[in-house]
Amino acid sequence: MAQFARPAFRGDLADIALAFVPFDDLRDHCEALCKFGEDHTILKKIARGSRTF
């Protein structure tokens, strides 16, 4: 995360939201994600730490 604080990244990353999905959550919700998810946007529902730089 410290790399994103560098001046070279500040302007380009101003509106980017970062989030992550722990592997435990993927394992726990794998069947539901495959059954009900139509594309990658389903991951936003279980993602953590969404923040804008």
Protein backbone atom coordinates (compact mmCIF):
# COMPACT_ATOMS: atom_id res chain seq x y z
CA MET A 1 0.00 0.00 0.00
CA ALA A 2 2.92 2.33 0.60
CA GLN A 3 3.68 2.25 -3.13
CA PHE A 4 0.35 3.94 -3.86
CA ALA A 5 1.40 6.95 -1.76
CA ARG A 6 4.25 7.74 -4.15
CA PRO A 7 3.83 10.89 -6.27
CA ALA A 8 3.88 8.90 -9.52
CA PHE A 9 0.69 7.11 -8.51
CA ARG A 10 -1.28 9.85 -6.78
CA GLY A 11 -2.93 11.44 -9.81
CA ASP A 12 -3.73 8.23 -11.67
CA LEU A 13 -5.15 6.40 -8.66
CA ALA A 14 -7.31 9.17 -7.26
CA ASP A 15 -10.59 7.45 -8.14
CA ILE A 16 -9.64 3.77 -7.87
CA ALA A 17 -11.32 1.73 -5.13
CA LEU A 18 -9.36 -1.25 -3.83
CA ALA A 19 -10.86 -4.26 -2.11
CA PHE A 20 -9.86 -7.85 -1.43
CA VAL A 21 -11.53 -11.22 -0.95
CA PRO A 22 -9.85 -13.54 1.57
CA PHE A 23 -9.39 -17.13 0.40
CA ASP A 24 -11.43 -18.36 3.37
CA ASP A 25 -14.40 -16.36 2.13
CA LEU A 26 -13.95 -17.72 -1.39
CA ARG A 27 -13.89 -21.26 -0.03
CA ASP A 28 -16.92 -20.66 2.20
CA HIS A 29 -19.00 -19.05 -0.56
CA CYS A 30 -17.67 -20.93 -3.59
CA GLU A 31 -20.83 -22.89 -4.38
CA ALA A 32 -23.10 -19.86 -4.05
CA LEU A 33 -20.78 -17.69 -6.16
CA CYS A 34 -20.77 -20.28 -8.93
CA LYS A 35 -24.50 -20.86 -8.72
CA PHE A 36 -25.75 -17.26 -8.50
CA GLY A 37 -22.91 -15.23 -9.99
CA GLU A 38 -23.09 -14.31 -13.65
CA ASP A 39 -19.71 -12.56 -13.79
CA HIS A 40 -16.94 -11.14 -11.60
CA THR A 41 -19.17 -8.41 -10.13
CA ILE A 42 -20.57 -10.96 -7.67
CA LEU A 43 -17.24 -10.72 -5.83
CA LYS A 44 -18.02 -7.14 -4.79
CA LYS A 45 -20.67 -8.50 -2.44
CA ILE A 46 -18.11 -10.36 -0.31
CA ALA A 47 -15.13 -8.04 -0.83
CA ARG A 48 -13.60 -6.23 2.13
CA GLY A 49 -11.73 -2.99 2.57
CA SER A 50 -13.10 -1.00 -0.33
CA ARG A 51 -11.45 2.40 -0.16
CA THR A 52 -10.56 5.12 -2.60
CA PHE A 53 -7.05 6.56 -2.81
